[in-house]
Protein backbone atom coordinates (compact mmCIF):
# COMPACT_ATOMS: atom_id res chain seq x y z
CA UNK A 1 -44.17 81.41 -31.10
CA UNK A 2 -40.56 82.62 -30.63
CA UNK A 3 -41.01 81.29 -27.06
CA UNK A 4 -42.24 77.80 -27.79
CA UNK A 5 -39.50 77.27 -29.93
CA UNK A 6 -37.05 78.34 -27.79
CA UNK A 7 -38.70 76.00 -24.96
CA UNK A 8 -38.40 73.03 -27.46
CA UNK A 9 -34.99 73.69 -28.14
CA UNK A 10 -34.00 73.93 -24.54
CA UNK A 11 -35.54 70.66 -23.92
CA UNK A 12 -33.81 68.79 -26.72
CA UNK A 13 -30.72 70.27 -25.52
CA UNK A 14 -31.08 69.05 -22.10
CA UNK A 15 -32.14 65.37 -23.35
CA UNK A 16 -29.00 65.30 -25.64
CA UNK A 17 -26.69 66.16 -23.20
CA UNK A 18 -28.34 63.67 -20.58
CA UNK A 19 -27.78 61.04 -23.22
CA UNK A 20 -24.27 61.99 -23.73
CA UNK A 21 -23.57 61.46 -20.25
CA UNK A 22 -25.35 58.22 -20.34
CA UNK A 23 -22.85 57.04 -22.92
CA UNK A 24 -19.79 57.96 -21.17
CA UNK A 25 -21.28 56.26 -17.81
CA UNK A 26 -20.20 52.65 -17.17
CA UNK A 27 -23.00 50.04 -17.98
CA UNK A 28 -25.08 48.80 -14.96
CA UNK A 29 -24.08 45.21 -14.42
CA UNK A 30 -25.65 42.36 -12.23
CA UNK A 31 -23.10 42.64 -9.57
CA UNK A 32 -24.44 46.56 -8.63
CA UNK A 33 -27.84 45.10 -7.81
CA UNK A 34 -26.20 42.47 -5.48
CA UNK A 35 -24.57 43.59 -2.12
CA UNK A 36 -20.88 43.07 -1.88
CA UNK A 37 -21.34 41.21 1.29
CA UNK A 38 -23.56 38.85 -0.57
CA UNK A 39 -20.78 38.34 -3.23
CA UNK A 40 -17.95 37.29 -0.61
CA UNK A 41 -20.56 34.69 0.78
CA UNK A 42 -21.25 33.37 -2.67
CA UNK A 43 -17.41 32.98 -3.31
CA UNK A 44 -16.88 31.82 -0.02
CA UNK A 45 -19.47 29.19 -0.44
CA UNK A 46 -18.21 27.86 -3.81
CA UNK A 47 -14.77 27.33 -2.16
CA UNK A 48 -16.24 24.63 0.17
CA UNK A 49 -16.54 21.41 -2.00
CA UNK A 50 -16.36 17.93 -1.00
CA UNK A 51 -12.85 17.48 -1.09
CA UNK A 52 -12.18 20.67 1.24
CA UNK A 53 -14.99 18.96 3.59
CA UNK A 54 -13.40 15.49 3.38
CA UNK A 55 -9.89 16.83 4.49
CA UNK A 56 -11.49 19.07 7.42
CA UNK A 57 -12.82 15.61 8.84
CA UNK A 58 -9.80 13.51 8.07
CA UNK A 59 -7.03 16.24 8.61
CA UNK A 60 -7.03 16.25 12.43
CA UNK A 61 -6.31 12.42 12.70
CA UNK A 62 -3.27 12.49 10.62
CA UNK A 63 0.01 12.43 12.18
CA UNK A 64 3.86 12.70 11.53
CA UNK A 65 5.78 9.81 12.46
CA UNK A 66 9.41 10.53 13.70
CA UNK A 67 11.82 7.71 14.29
CA UNK A 68 15.73 7.49 15.42
CA UNK A 69 17.81 4.52 14.23
CA UNK A 70 21.04 3.93 16.25
CA UNK A 71 23.92 2.41 13.80
CA UNK A 72 27.24 1.70 14.80
CA UNK A 73 29.88 3.18 12.81
CA UNK A 74 33.83 3.38 12.93
CA UNK A 75 35.34 6.22 15.30
CA UNK A 76 37.40 7.48 12.20
CA UNK A 77 39.17 6.38 9.16
CA UNK A 78 41.88 4.26 10.56
CA UNK A 79 39.10 2.16 12.37
CA UNK A 80 37.47 1.60 9.46
CA UNK A 81 40.37 -0.22 7.76
CA UNK A 82 42.17 -1.68 10.71
CA UNK A 83 39.27 -2.24 13.09
CA UNK A 84 39.04 -1.64 16.71
CA UNK A 85 36.46 0.49 18.28
CA UNK A 86 33.42 1.88 16.97
CA UNK A 87 30.96 4.36 17.70
CA UNK A 88 27.37 5.00 17.09
CA UNK A 89 25.12 7.20 14.77
CA UNK A 90 21.75 8.43 15.15
CA UNK A 91 19.55 8.46 11.80
CA UNK A 92 16.17 10.15 11.64
CA UNK A 93 13.47 9.22 9.74
CA UNK A 94 10.01 10.44 9.00
CA UNK A 95 6.86 9.25 7.80
CA UNK A 96 2.98 9.37 8.55
CA UNK A 97 0.35 7.94 9.99
CA UNK A 98 -3.47 7.92 11.11
CA UNK A 99 -5.25 7.77 14.63
CA UNK A 100 -7.99 4.49 14.36
CA UNK A 101 -8.77 4.80 18.19
CA UNK A 102 -9.56 7.98 20.29
CA UNK A 103 -7.03 6.19 22.96
CA UNK A 104 -3.94 6.71 20.67
CA UNK A 105 -3.68 3.44 18.45
CA UNK A 106 -2.19 4.48 15.15
CA UNK A 107 -1.50 2.98 11.75
CA UNK A 108 1.45 3.57 9.63
CA UNK A 109 3.87 1.55 7.59
CA UNK A 110 6.00 -1.01 8.73
CA UNK A 111 8.99 0.38 6.70
CA UNK A 112 8.39 3.84 8.34
CA UNK A 113 9.27 2.21 11.95
CA UNK A 114 11.75 -0.52 10.74
CA UNK A 115 14.75 -0.97 13.14
CA UNK A 116 13.84 2.31 15.03
CA UNK A 117 15.21 2.82 18.59
CA UNK A 118 12.91 5.48 19.40
CA UNK A 119 9.61 6.55 17.72
CA UNK A 120 7.60 9.60 18.24
CA UNK A 121 4.19 10.87 16.96
CA UNK A 122 3.26 14.90 16.58
CA UNK A 123 -0.30 15.74 15.94
CA UNK A 124 -1.63 18.53 13.59
CA UNK A 125 -1.15 21.46 16.35
CA UNK A 126 2.37 20.38 17.10
CA UNK A 127 1.65 18.26 20.13
CA UNK A 128 4.33 15.49 20.21
CA UNK A 129 4.10 11.91 22.02
CA UNK A 130 6.59 9.20 22.45
CA UNK A 131 5.12 5.96 20.85
CA UNK A 132 5.75 2.44 21.63
CA UNK A 133 5.21 -0.49 18.83
CA UNK A 134 2.12 -2.56 19.44
CA UNK A 135 3.22 -4.93 16.61
CA UNK A 136 4.21 -4.84 12.72
CA UNK A 137 3.82 -7.16 9.36
CA UNK A 138 6.76 -6.81 7.66
CA UNK A 139 5.15 -8.86 4.66
CA UNK A 140 2.14 -6.31 4.26
CA UNK A 141 4.35 -3.30 5.23
CA UNK A 142 1.96 -2.50 8.21
CA UNK A 143 2.68 -1.67 11.74
CA UNK A 144 0.75 -0.53 14.77
CA UNK A 145 1.85 2.10 17.22
CA UNK A 146 0.37 3.75 20.37
CA UNK A 147 0.71 6.98 22.10
CA UNK A 148 -0.59 7.50 25.61
CA UNK A 149 -3.34 10.16 25.30
CA UNK A 150 -7.14 10.13 25.58
CA UNK A 151 -10.14 11.65 23.36
CA UNK A 152 -7.67 12.09 20.16
CA UNK A 153 -9.26 12.58 16.66
CA UNK A 154 -10.15 9.45 15.15
CA UNK A 155 -10.02 8.66 11.15
CA UNK A 156 -13.31 7.01 9.82
CA UNK A 157 -12.68 3.91 7.91
CA UNK A 158 -14.09 2.96 4.99
CA UNK A 159 -14.93 0.15 2.95
CA UNK A 160 -11.98 -0.67 -0.09
CA UNK A 161 -14.17 -3.44 -2.10
CA UNK A 162 -16.91 -0.92 -2.82
CA UNK A 163 -14.47 1.66 -4.68
CA UNK A 164 -15.28 3.35 -8.18
CA UNK A 165 -12.58 3.34 -10.48
CA UNK A 166 -12.37 7.31 -11.59
CA UNK A 167 -13.45 8.89 -8.34
CA UNK A 168 -11.82 11.24 -6.43
CA UNK A 169 -8.92 10.19 -4.02
CA UNK A 170 -7.26 12.36 -1.68
CA UNK A 171 -3.72 11.45 -0.29
CA UNK A 172 -2.82 13.04 3.01
CA UNK A 173 0.40 12.68 4.73
CA UNK A 174 3.67 14.53 5.58
CA UNK A 175 5.64 14.36 2.75
CA UNK A 176 9.02 16.41 3.49
CA UNK A 177 8.72 16.21 7.23
CA UNK A 178 9.70 19.53 8.47
CA UNK A 179 11.37 21.04 5.80
CA UNK A 180 8.68 23.25 4.75
CA UNK A 181 8.46 24.28 8.76
CA UNK A 182 5.15 23.50 9.29
CA UNK A 183 3.33 20.62 11.15
CA UNK A 184 0.19 20.52 8.96
CA UNK A 185 -0.47 17.45 6.72
CA UNK A 186 0.00 18.07 2.73
CA UNK A 187 -3.12 17.43 0.66
CA UNK A 188 -2.82 15.97 -2.78
CA UNK A 189 -5.81 14.78 -5.06
CA UNK A 190 -6.47 12.51 -7.99
CA UNK A 191 -8.44 9.87 -8.56
CA UNK A 192 -8.81 5.86 -8.28
CA UNK A 193 -6.69 4.76 -11.36
CA UNK A 194 -7.44 1.06 -10.49
CA UNK A 195 -7.87 -1.78 -7.96
CA UNK A 196 -5.98 -5.20 -7.51
CA UNK A 197 -2.88 -4.05 -8.75
CA UNK A 198 0.32 -6.20 -8.14
CA UNK A 199 3.74 -4.25 -7.93
CA UNK A 200 7.27 -5.64 -7.93
CA UNK A 201 10.02 -2.35 -8.62
CA UNK A 202 11.36 0.51 -7.77
CA UNK A 203 9.36 1.89 -4.86
CA UNK A 204 9.46 3.49 -1.51
CA UNK A 205 9.69 0.96 0.80
CA UNK A 206 10.99 -1.58 -1.78
CA UNK A 207 8.70 -4.86 -1.94
CA UNK A 208 6.34 -6.94 -3.41
CA UNK A 209 2.72 -5.58 -3.14
CA UNK A 210 -0.20 -7.76 -4.11
CA UNK A 211 -3.87 -6.45 -4.72
CA UNK A 212 -3.06 -2.42 -4.47
CA UNK A 213 -5.18 0.54 -4.84
CA UNK A 214 -3.58 2.60 -7.63
CA UNK A 215 -3.90 6.46 -7.67
CA UNK A 216 -2.90 9.41 -9.53
CA UNK A 217 -2.76 11.54 -6.44
CA UNK A 218 0.71 12.52 -5.78
CA UNK A 219 2.40 10.55 -3.14
CA UNK A 220 5.97 11.32 -2.18
CA UNK A 221 8.77 9.88 0.32
CA UNK A 222 7.71 10.85 3.58
CA UNK A 223 3.52 10.36 2.68
CA UNK A 224 4.17 6.40 3.56
CA UNK A 225 1.76 5.17 6.27
CA UNK A 226 -1.02 8.35 5.44
CA UNK A 227 -4.33 7.80 4.69
CA UNK A 228 -5.78 7.67 1.01
CA UNK A 229 -9.36 8.87 1.47
CA UNK A 230 -12.45 9.35 -0.36
CA UNK A 231 -14.49 12.43 -1.32
CA UNK A 232 -16.85 11.21 1.45
CA UNK A 233 -13.83 11.44 4.16
CA UNK A 234 -13.52 7.78 4.83
CA UNK A 235 -10.10 6.10 4.72
CA UNK A 236 -10.05 3.86 2.05
CA UNK A 237 -6.10 2.81 1.76
CA UNK A 238 -2.61 3.24 3.43
CA UNK A 239 -0.63 5.17 1.55
CA UNK A 240 2.64 2.56 0.84
CA UNK A 241 4.74 3.15 -2.44
CA UNK A 242 5.16 5.01 -5.22
CA UNK A 243 6.59 3.32 -8.80
CA UNK A 244 9.36 5.62 -9.85
CA UNK A 245 12.39 5.10 -11.84
CA UNK A 246 13.52 8.79 -10.55
CA UNK A 247 12.78 8.98 -6.95
CA UNK A 248 10.06 11.09 -7.14
CA UNK A 249 6.45 11.10 -7.86
CA UNK A 250 5.11 10.33 -11.31
CA UNK A 251 1.62 9.87 -11.05
CA UNK A 252 1.77 5.85 -9.92
CA UNK A 253 1.17 6.03 -6.41
CA UNK A 254 -0.30 2.55 -4.42
CA UNK A 255 -2.19 2.29 -1.20
CA UNK A 256 -2.80 -0.90 0.77
CA UNK A 257 -6.57 -1.41 0.84
CA UNK A 258 -8.07 -0.61 4.03
CA UNK A 259 -10.06 -3.71 4.42
CA UNK A 260 -6.98 -5.92 4.21
CA UNK A 261 -5.02 -3.17 6.61
CA UNK A 262 -8.19 -3.76 9.26
CA UNK A 263 -7.42 -7.26 9.09
CA UNK A 264 -3.97 -7.12 9.96
CA UNK A 265 -4.34 -4.37 12.38
CA UNK A 266 -6.99 -6.56 14.29
CA UNK A 267 -4.62 -9.45 14.15
CA UNK A 268 -1.95 -7.35 15.80
CA UNK A 269 -3.95 -5.99 18.43
CA UNK A 270 -5.39 -9.51 19.59
CA UNK A 271 -2.80 -11.85 18.92
CA UNK A 272 0.42 -9.80 18.56
CA UNK A 273 0.95 -11.22 15.28
CA UNK A 274 -0.57 -11.73 12.15
CA UNK A 275 -2.57 -15.03 11.18
CA UNK A 276 -1.77 -16.56 7.70
CA UNK A 277 -4.95 -17.28 5.92
CA UNK A 278 -4.30 -21.06 4.37
CA UNK A 279 -6.56 -23.59 2.67
CA UNK A 280 -4.25 -26.14 1.74
CA UNK A 281 -3.87 -25.56 -1.82
CA UNK A 282 -1.09 -25.77 -4.16
CA UNK A 283 -1.11 -24.00 -7.51
CA UNK A 284 -0.04 -25.44 -11.28
CA UNK A 285 2.42 -22.25 -12.25
CA UNK A 286 1.56 -20.95 -15.77
CA UNK A 287 4.63 -21.88 -18.23
CA UNK A 288 5.69 -19.61 -21.25
CA UNK A 289 6.93 -15.78 -21.08
CA UNK A 290 3.72 -14.45 -22.66
CA UNK A 291 2.09 -12.27 -20.42
CA UNK A 292 -1.45 -12.73 -21.90
CA UNK A 293 -0.94 -16.68 -21.30
CA UNK A 294 -0.38 -15.79 -17.71
CA UNK A 295 -2.78 -13.62 -16.75
CA UNK A 296 -5.81 -15.65 -18.40
CA UNK A 297 -4.19 -19.26 -17.20
CA UNK A 298 -6.97 -19.60 -14.07
CA UNK A 299 -6.21 -20.86 -10.77
CA UNK A 300 -5.78 -24.52 -11.49
CA UNK A 301 -4.83 -26.73 -8.44
CA UNK A 302 -1.55 -28.86 -8.83
CA UNK A 303 -2.16 -31.14 -5.86
CA UNK A 304 -4.22 -30.34 -2.16
CA UNK A 305 -2.65 -31.12 1.14
CA UNK A 306 -4.21 -33.99 2.54
CA UNK A 307 -6.41 -32.98 5.69
CA UNK A 308 -6.50 -29.21 4.64
CA UNK A 309 -9.78 -27.04 4.59
CA UNK A 310 -9.18 -27.62 0.54
CA UNK A 311 -9.10 -31.50 0.88
CA UNK A 312 -11.81 -31.46 3.29
CA UNK A 313 -14.16 -29.48 0.56
CA UNK A 314 -13.38 -31.94 -2.07
CA UNK A 315 -10.95 -30.13 -3.98
CA UNK A 316 -8.63 -32.24 -6.06
CA UNK A 317 -5.61 -31.95 -8.37
CA UNK A 318 -6.66 -30.39 -11.49
CA UNK A 319 -10.00 -28.64 -10.38
CA UNK A 320 -10.28 -24.65 -11.27
CA UNK A 321 -11.02 -22.00 -8.77
CA UNK A 322 -13.06 -19.64 -10.82
CA UNK A 323 -14.60 -17.33 -8.15
CA UNK A 324 -14.19 -16.25 -4.67
CA UNK A 325 -17.59 -15.26 -2.92
CA UNK A 326 -18.59 -14.80 -6.05
CA UNK A 327 -15.87 -12.70 -7.86
CA UNK A 328 -14.12 -14.13 -10.55
CA UNK A 329 -10.48 -14.91 -10.52
CA UNK A 330 -8.53 -15.18 -13.67
CA UNK A 331 -4.94 -15.98 -12.54
CA UNK A 332 -2.60 -16.93 -9.67
CA UNK A 333 -2.32 -13.28 -8.59
CA UNK A 334 -5.75 -12.49 -8.20
CA UNK A 335 -5.91 -15.26 -6.19
CA UNK A 336 -3.32 -14.45 -3.82
CA UNK A 337 -4.80 -10.89 -3.42
CA UNK A 338 -8.40 -12.72 -2.65
CA UNK A 339 -6.43 -15.12 -0.10
CA UNK A 340 -4.33 -12.58 1.66
CA UNK A 341 -8.01 -10.89 2.29
CA UNK A 342 -9.38 -13.86 4.10
CA UNK A 343 -9.67 -14.18 7.77
CA UNK A 344 -8.63 -17.39 9.89
CA UNK A 345 -11.73 -18.87 10.87
CA UNK A 346 -13.69 -17.44 8.02
CA UNK A 347 -15.91 -19.33 5.96
CA UNK A 348 -15.37 -18.46 2.34
CA UNK A 349 -17.44 -19.37 -0.74
CA UNK A 350 -15.34 -21.05 -3.44
CA UNK A 351 -16.98 -21.80 -7.22
CA UNK A 352 -15.05 -24.66 -8.60
CA UNK A 353 -14.64 -26.02 -12.31
CA UNK A 354 -14.07 -29.70 -12.77
CA UNK A 355 -14.01 -30.43 -16.62
CA UNK A 356 -17.04 -28.80 -17.61
CA UNK A 357 -18.98 -28.63 -14.80
CA UNK A 358 -18.77 -26.02 -12.06
CA UNK A 359 -19.72 -26.62 -8.51
CA UNK A 360 -20.15 -24.25 -5.22
CA UNK A 361 -18.16 -25.36 -1.97
CA UNK A 362 -17.14 -23.61 0.98
CA UNK A 363 -13.75 -23.69 3.04
CA UNK A 364 -13.05 -22.60 6.33
CA UNK A 365 -9.87 -20.86 6.50
CA UNK A 366 -6.93 -22.01 8.76
CA UNK A 367 -3.66 -20.75 9.90
CA UNK A 368 -0.36 -21.41 7.59
CA UNK A 369 1.16 -24.58 8.80
CA UNK A 370 4.54 -24.43 10.03
CA UNK A 371 7.26 -26.00 7.69
CA UNK A 372 8.19 -29.22 9.80
CA UNK A 373 11.87 -28.64 9.33
CA UNK A 374 14.75 -27.14 11.51
CA UNK A 375 16.35 -23.90 9.91
CA UNK A 376 19.57 -25.76 9.13
CA UNK A 377 17.87 -28.58 7.60
CA UNK A 378 15.88 -26.13 5.16
CA UNK A 379 19.24 -24.56 4.33
CA UNK A 380 21.05 -27.68 3.62
CA UNK A 381 18.01 -28.68 1.13
CA UNK A 382 18.15 -25.64 -1.11
CA UNK A 383 21.44 -25.14 -3.17
CA UNK A 384 21.85 -21.62 -4.40
CA UNK A 385 23.93 -19.57 -6.58
CA UNK A 386 24.32 -15.52 -6.85
CA UNK A 387 22.96 -14.43 -10.14
CA UNK A 388 25.80 -13.36 -12.87
CA UNK A 389 25.51 -11.69 -15.92
CA UNK A 390 26.32 -14.87 -17.76
CA UNK A 391 23.54 -16.98 -15.92
CA UNK A 392 21.21 -13.88 -16.74
CA UNK A 393 21.99 -14.11 -20.55
CA UNK A 394 21.82 -17.56 -20.51
CA UNK A 395 18.46 -18.13 -18.48
CA UNK A 396 16.70 -14.96 -19.61
CA UNK A 397 15.77 -13.47 -15.96
CA UNK A 398 14.50 -10.19 -16.01
CA UNK A 399 15.65 -9.19 -12.69
CA UNK A 400 19.37 -8.34 -12.58
CA UNK A 401 20.08 -9.71 -9.01
CA UNK A 402 19.03 -12.27 -7.10
CA UNK A 403 19.81 -16.17 -5.84
CA UNK A 404 19.15 -18.91 -8.28
CA UNK A 405 17.94 -22.25 -7.09
CA UNK A 406 20.10 -24.80 -8.31
CA UNK A 407 18.60 -27.60 -6.30
CA UNK A 408 15.89 -27.96 -3.99
CA UNK A 409 15.00 -31.48 -2.27
CA UNK A 410 11.55 -33.13 -3.19
CA UNK A 411 10.38 -32.31 0.55
CA UNK A 412 10.74 -28.53 0.41
CA UNK A 413 9.89 -28.12 -3.22
CA UNK A 414 6.57 -29.72 -2.14
CA UNK A 415 6.15 -27.84 1.28
CA UNK A 416 7.46 -24.65 -0.15
CA UNK A 417 6.59 -24.44 -3.72
CA UNK A 418 10.22 -23.57 -5.06
CA UNK A 419 11.99 -25.28 -7.94
CA UNK A 420 14.99 -25.34 -9.51
CA UNK A 421 15.54 -22.46 -11.75
CA UNK A 422 13.39 -19.93 -9.45
CA UNK A 423 15.22 -16.58 -9.02
CA UNK A 424 14.89 -15.57 -5.35
CA UNK A 425 14.67 -11.61 -5.36
CA UNK A 426 12.93 -10.81 -2.30
CA UNK A 427 12.72 -12.44 1.39
CA UNK A 428 9.81 -10.27 3.41
CA UNK A 429 10.99 -6.99 2.75
CA UNK A 430 14.84 -7.66 2.14
CA UNK A 431 16.04 -7.42 -1.30
CA UNK A 432 18.09 -10.68 -2.17
CA UNK A 433 21.06 -9.51 -4.10
CA UNK A 434 23.62 -12.80 -3.12
CA UNK A 435 23.00 -16.23 -2.02
CA UNK A 436 24.42 -15.18 1.07
CA UNK A 437 21.45 -13.24 1.48
CA UNK A 438 18.89 -15.99 1.56
CA UNK A 439 21.09 -17.31 4.24
CA UNK A 440 21.04 -14.55 6.18
CA UNK A 441 17.28 -13.81 5.75
CA UNK A 442 16.49 -17.39 7.09
CA UNK A 443 18.85 -16.65 10.14
CA UNK A 444 16.78 -13.20 10.72
CA UNK A 445 13.38 -14.50 10.13
CA UNK A 446 13.46 -17.93 10.73
CA UNK A 447 11.36 -19.04 14.08
CA UNK A 448 10.17 -15.34 14.20
CA UNK A 449 7.65 -14.77 11.85
CA UNK A 450 6.12 -15.87 8.51
CA UNK A 451 8.39 -15.45 5.47
CA UNK A 452 7.32 -14.29 2.36
CA UNK A 453 9.59 -15.29 -0.53
CA UNK A 454 9.12 -13.54 -3.65
CA UNK A 455 10.80 -15.33 -6.85
CA UNK A 456 11.01 -14.71 -10.64
CA UNK A 457 9.94 -17.89 -12.68
CA UNK A 458 9.39 -17.70 -16.52
CA UNK A 459 9.38 -13.97 -16.32
CA UNK A 460 6.77 -13.52 -13.60
CA UNK A 461 7.22 -12.73 -10.06
CA UNK A 462 5.12 -15.27 -7.31
CA UNK A 463 5.76 -15.51 -3.78
CA UNK A 464 5.30 -18.22 -1.25
CA UNK A 465 4.46 -17.74 2.49
CA UNK A 466 5.75 -20.28 5.06
CA UNK A 467 7.38 -20.22 8.30
CA UNK A 468 10.34 -22.06 9.74
CA UNK A 469 10.53 -23.34 12.87
CA UNK A 470 13.49 -23.62 14.95
């Protein structure tokens, strides 16, 4: 009996000691049952997202665009004040771009290469090529350059008409040049905040932008010309500007829709210049300063140019354009955006309202006709004065600088569409500060390219495209 009790006591002691050791040991986890190699593979798999895959596809086609601009400067302070000899100073610039053809055709912003005497392109791996300008469109801020190379990686272009508000947006470019000591492009992410945005304000590149893609992906100085990409790795925009009061990104970035960029690039490659779509409509400008009234005023025809595509389609003064290709347009700005995306020679379906009746018509888009007057005649038919604080206070202009149209001839008012009281604030991408700036801009662009004039009327910014024949 004593032996039996001793055996039981020994067994219980052994069991209690084992239980105590078990209490002191760490609890078993699921990870203890999975090999460490498998865990590493799971983590690596989770790191590869749609965004990382999209970046991997597009990044090799993103390039850094370097420019040099030569400026004349006084040799010393005495030359500056008393005239005489002058020297040269080289200014460096930097931006981004992306390859659209394997033989070295690259898209970037016009303001990135504007005035450059030398352009070079650096690929992701550091390889650098000299580049030449094939064509540029200052109005839409796009340029095409080329390097002599073969079998380069190409960016896949998407469809900017099919964007979904809130979908992922990826901005890729070189925001700080080589300050970071690296040739790899930088990546920022966000969403498509809006489409069809119209912008006039403090932005990199200074300009009027119509029908832009808005994103909250950070776009900074130097990102200009780089691609805005979807989560599928397709380019849907050309990063062009940031709206900012401080000079840095505040979450309002804008990109030129790739469908428009594709049309402009095709024109530049095929014709050496951009063909301006025109149907011959002249629109009634909304009156009043209430933004709600302006954005809901509709697209009402003031007149139609005789013999124009609009006239041949039966459009008349008083008609209202309510839809383009089935897409509703509610105001002049939305119409201008649709017209920008038309191609010369294309047949476009319009929905027209005459009174209470709606009808479908088609118009064939043609080139913008020239203003049929020499440059000097145009200048003599427009009287301007520089905007002063007194004039601004009296007339209630929102802009703080520009040239006020004092008087304009009936012919030029009819052909260009400006009127007395308009405040000219920009011609192409040149900001207008004085009346003489307008004369200088006409001198610069007259006979060379299409002119886009931006002006303030009733507190809103409108644009007119025309050409001056020398």
